[in-house]
Amino acid sequence: MRQTKRAKLDLTTSDDGNINKDVVDNNQADAVKPVKITIIGAAGGIGQSLSLLLKTQLLPNSSASKYRYGTVHLALYDINKDGVNGVTTDLSHIDTAVHVTSHSGEDGLVESLTDSDLIVVTAGVARKPGMTREDLFQINGKIILNLMDQVVKNCDLSKCFILMVTNPVNSLIPLVIRKLRKELKGKTTTSIDDISKRVLGVTRLDSVRAATFVHTSLRSKGIVIDFESLRVPVIGGHSGLTIIPLISQTKNKKKTIANINTLISEEDVAKLTKRIQFGGDEVVKAKNGQGSATLAMALAGFRVLEDLTSLLLDEVETISDSPGFFLAIRDSNQKPLDITDNDKLTNWLDENFQEKSKNIEFFELPITIDKHGVKKIDYELLLNISEYEKKVLLPPCIDQLIENFDQAKTIEV
């Protein structure tokens, strides 16, 4: 639950309708430190839609009257110079307080990354029909490694977040973490493990799909629940069999629906699970070679950035029970990272997967997050999973995750 701080009053206009310059000047002096969000791949399908949402929806949902133009700086980068210039010009005509700049080329990448607080990676190729995630990794992995060279050189890794939207997340996050561990070893006063807590795979689309599909199932049975109230936790990873929607723990208004198993049959749970796991394939097939999921992914990414921006603007101190992140849970020596309840998670994995457990270095599950990164893991979810989720869904998930992690080692860093 968010712990919201009180917004300041903004009284820049006098009773007679004139602008009060003294008040404006004082408010500018008291203005909060701007937040810089860098979108890498801003001219692409996800990048454009995400940028539009950030430009139009970010500050209005954050006590807009409190903030001045430029409180959020949206730095858009793409190798397609004309594309990103066009997107930036188009967005700059929208009357909101988010400042937008365009960047391309080598110098432009440096400009976009310098002083950035949130680096959002949407660059790379989209999956096409017949393309495996292994094929995708070999292409996108090399793109991401080149980007990380510039991130290391130009970003303050003691504070910035790196958010991976580009797929395959299950292999790209391990690749990025391995790259950072190699490049930063002995070169930074900030703990590499602490940096790892701010390198996150954005997987919230799985939670969005799970809530949508479960909502549809319940509605077909005459059970009406507000979309905003319904939540289905997701654990595991961000592709196919690694995605485990915990339908047994579906929540309405933050409370688990105790009789969900009587509302949705075992057969329907299996069908819903498969659809959630392979929702991306559904979109790729529907677009028939014209791309992959972009619009729903952009919305999921926006929700993540909305939360993190509220943290960096000091609107809240923590975001608790936050879905949608794939994160490192072990250090380079395969020991649990220092995150509250992470030891309980790794012990649980040890008990249930024995020798395989030490190879489970990354995992998705709800977390509590603050300015410094992942603070706490929602371990208790695992204590309440159903037999179907534990015995049928988890084993292939773990096997596939380990394969994904091994795949990440096939590209030299």
Foldseek 3Di string as FASTA:
>chain_A
DFDFDDADDQDQADPVGDGNVVSVVVLVVVAFAAAEEEEEALLDLQNLLLVLCCLPPQLVVVVVSRHAQRSYEYEYEYQPQVSQVVSQVVSVVDPGSYHYDYAHDPVRLLVSLAPHAEYEYPDAAFDAPPDDLLNRCVGVLVVVLVSLVSNVVHHDLQFHAYEYAYPPPLQNLLLSLVSCCVVCVVPDPRDSLLSQLRYWYFQCLLFVLLLVLVQVLLVVVVDHADSVQWTWWWKAGRAALRTFTQQQQIGGNNHGPPVSCVSADPVRVVVSRRCSRCVQVVQSVVCNGVGTDRNSSSVSVNVVVSVLVCQSSVRGFKDFQDFTIKGFQADPVLHGRPAACSVVVLVVLCVQPPPLSSLCGIMGTGAMAHSSGTHHGPRVVVVDGDCCSRVPRPPVSSVVSSVSNVSSVVDDD
